[in-house]
Amino acid sequence: MCRNIHTLHNFEPAANEEEVHAAALQYVRKISGSTKPAKVNAEAFDRAVGEIAHITHHLLEDLVATTPPKDREVEHAKAHARAQARFASA
């Protein structure tokens, strides 16, 4: 769906409020088709971001992982290596 939304579940350390908010913001931007809403829509846009962040936080708390948590640094390094390989051939 949206490349800027990253998996937040089963990481050590757990996703923080800023990451959850950023994911909610990207989701609302994608759904609304707008990166910055008009003033008339700003309240609805901000309310949606807040509500989605809230429910995402609850979802992440309730999910049960059957595998050990992933290390953020290791996953970041893997993603960086994939990006370098992808863009090096372009």
C-alpha atoms as a PDB file:
ATOM      1  CA  MET A   1       0.000   0.000   0.000  1.00  0.00           C
ATOM      2  CA  CYS A   2       2.286   2.756   1.199  1.00  0.00           C
ATOM      3  CA  ARG A   3       6.031   2.301   1.331  1.00  0.00           C
ATOM      4  CA  ASN A   4       6.397   4.755   4.198  1.00  0.00           C
ATOM      5  CA  ILE A   5       4.379   2.654   6.608  1.00  0.00           C
ATOM      6  CA  HIS A   6       6.682   0.162   8.280  1.00  0.00           C
ATOM      7  CA  THR A   7       5.959  -2.875  10.400  1.00  0.00           C
ATOM      8  CA  LEU A   8       5.759  -1.843  14.039  1.00  0.00           C
ATOM      9  CA  HIS A   9       4.943  -5.179  15.663  1.00  0.00           C
ATOM     10  CA  ASN A  10       7.474  -7.466  17.365  1.00  0.00           C
ATOM     11  CA  PHE A  11      10.461  -5.148  17.586  1.00  0.00           C
ATOM     12  CA  GLU A  12      12.820  -4.491  20.438  1.00  0.00           C
ATOM     13  CA  PRO A  13      12.488  -1.814  21.633  1.00  0.00           C
ATOM     14  CA  ALA A  14       8.755  -1.620  20.997  1.00  0.00           C
ATOM     15  CA  ALA A  15       7.279   1.038  18.718  1.00  0.00           C
ATOM     16  CA  ASN A  16       7.017   4.414  20.387  1.00  0.00           C
ATOM     17  CA  GLU A  17       4.226   6.985  20.129  1.00  0.00           C
ATOM     18  CA  GLU A  18       6.089   8.936  17.437  1.00  0.00           C
ATOM     19  CA  GLU A  19       6.351   5.872  15.176  1.00  0.00           C
ATOM     20  CA  VAL A  20       2.701   4.986  15.690  1.00  0.00           C
ATOM     21  CA  HIS A  21       1.654   8.579  14.934  1.00  0.00           C
ATOM     22  CA  ALA A  22       3.832   8.664  11.791  1.00  0.00           C
ATOM     23  CA  ALA A  23       2.233   5.450  10.520  1.00  0.00           C
ATOM     24  CA  ALA A  24      -1.263   6.801  11.231  1.00  0.00           C
ATOM     25  CA  LEU A  25      -0.424  10.045   9.451  1.00  0.00           C
ATOM     26  CA  GLN A  26       0.846   8.188   6.370  1.00  0.00           C
ATOM     27  CA  TYR A  27      -2.289   6.030   6.352  1.00  0.00           C
ATOM     28  CA  VAL A  28      -4.629   9.025   6.530  1.00  0.00           C
ATOM     29  CA  ARG A  29      -2.631  10.827   3.845  1.00  0.00           C
ATOM     30  CA  LYS A  30      -2.913   7.809   1.557  1.00  0.00           C
ATOM     31  CA  ILE A  31      -6.630   7.299   2.166  1.00  0.00           C
ATOM     32  CA  SER A  32      -7.510  10.985   1.821  1.00  0.00           C
ATOM     33  CA  GLY A  33      -5.237  11.576  -1.163  1.00  0.00           C
ATOM     34  CA  SER A  34      -3.840  14.658   0.520  1.00  0.00           C
ATOM     35  CA  THR A  35      -0.537  15.294   2.251  1.00  0.00           C
ATOM     36  CA  LYS A  36      -1.828  18.520   3.750  1.00  0.00           C
ATOM     37  CA  PRO A  37      -5.585  18.969   4.052  1.00  0.00           C
ATOM     38  CA  ALA A  38      -7.419  22.190   3.319  1.00  0.00           C
ATOM     39  CA  LYS A  39      -8.244  24.242   6.401  1.00  0.00           C
ATOM     40  CA  VAL A  40     -11.860  23.161   6.162  1.00  0.00           C
ATOM     41  CA  ASN A  41     -10.770  19.490   6.418  1.00  0.00           C
ATOM     42  CA  ALA A  42      -7.919  19.894   8.901  1.00  0.00           C
ATOM     43  CA  GLU A  43      -9.992  19.026  11.970  1.00  0.00           C
ATOM     44  CA  ALA A  44     -11.350  15.813  10.447  1.00  0.00           C
ATOM     45  CA  PHE A  45      -7.873  14.904   9.158  1.00  0.00           C
ATOM     46  CA  ASP A  46      -6.237  15.459  12.560  1.00  0.00           C
ATOM     47  CA  ARG A  47      -9.024  13.609  14.372  1.00  0.00           C
ATOM     48  CA  ALA A  48      -8.601  10.621  12.025  1.00  0.00           C
ATOM     49  CA  VAL A  49      -4.844  10.564  12.612  1.00  0.00           C
ATOM     50  CA  GLY A  50      -5.380  10.634  16.374  1.00  0.00           C
ATOM     51  CA  GLU A  51      -8.004   7.900  16.339  1.00  0.00           C
ATOM     52  CA  ILE A  52      -5.973   5.634  14.065  1.00  0.00           C
ATOM     53  CA  ALA A  53      -2.859   6.152  16.190  1.00  0.00           C
ATOM     54  CA  HIS A  54      -4.893   5.313  19.300  1.00  0.00           C
ATOM     55  CA  ILE A  55      -6.332   2.092  17.884  1.00  0.00           C
ATOM     56  CA  THR A  56      -2.949   1.133  16.399  1.00  0.00           C
ATOM     57  CA  HIS A  57      -1.392   1.463  19.838  1.00  0.00           C
ATOM     58  CA  HIS A  58      -4.061  -0.879  21.259  1.00  0.00           C
ATOM     59  CA  LEU A  59      -3.553  -3.329  18.398  1.00  0.00           C
ATOM     60  CA  LEU A  60       0.183  -3.468  18.994  1.00  0.00           C
ATOM     61  CA  GLU A  61      -0.397  -4.044  22.723  1.00  0.00           C
ATOM     62  CA  ASP A  62      -2.823  -6.904  22.037  1.00  0.00           C
ATOM     63  CA  LEU A  63      -0.891  -8.769  19.337  1.00  0.00           C
ATOM     64  CA  VAL A  64       0.939 -11.884  20.459  1.00  0.00           C
ATOM     65  CA  ALA A  65       4.256 -12.737  18.834  1.00  0.00           C
ATOM     66  CA  THR A  66       5.370 -16.349  18.461  1.00  0.00           C
ATOM     67  CA  THR A  67       8.875 -15.396  17.336  1.00  0.00           C
ATOM     68  CA  PRO A  68      11.580 -13.487  19.190  1.00  0.00           C
ATOM     69  CA  PRO A  69      11.493  -9.706  18.747  1.00  0.00           C
ATOM     70  CA  LYS A  70      13.492  -8.305  15.855  1.00  0.00           C
ATOM     71  CA  ASP A  71      16.376  -5.945  16.498  1.00  0.00           C
ATOM     72  CA  ARG A  72      15.723  -2.504  15.000  1.00  0.00           C
ATOM     73  CA  GLU A  73      19.369  -1.914  14.131  1.00  0.00           C
ATOM     74  CA  VAL A  74      19.701  -5.225  12.292  1.00  0.00           C
ATOM     75  CA  GLU A  75      16.462  -4.695  10.366  1.00  0.00           C
ATOM     76  CA  HIS A  76      17.514  -1.145   9.474  1.00  0.00           C
ATOM     77  CA  ALA A  77      20.847  -2.440   8.136  1.00  0.00           C
ATOM     78  CA  LYS A  78      19.060  -5.080   6.038  1.00  0.00           C
ATOM     79  CA  ALA A  79      16.689  -2.478   4.576  1.00  0.00           C
ATOM     80  CA  HIS A  80      19.603  -0.165   3.822  1.00  0.00           C
ATOM     81  CA  ALA A  81      21.461  -2.973   2.033  1.00  0.00           C
ATOM     82  CA  ARG A  82      18.353  -3.809  -0.036  1.00  0.00           C
ATOM     83  CA  ALA A  83      17.928  -0.149  -0.985  1.00  0.00           C
ATOM     84  CA  GLN A  84      21.579   0.158  -2.027  1.00  0.00           C
ATOM     85  CA  ALA A  85      21.297  -2.956  -4.180  1.00  0.00           C
ATOM     86  CA  ARG A  86      18.049  -1.770  -5.756  1.00  0.00           C
ATOM     87  CA  PHE A  87      19.289   1.729  -6.573  1.00  0.00           C
ATOM     88  CA  ALA A  88      22.806   0.673  -7.598  1.00  0.00           C
ATOM     89  CA  SER A  89      21.425  -1.150 -10.643  1.00  0.00           C
ATOM     90  CA  ALA A  90      19.253   1.802 -11.690  1.00  0.00           C
END
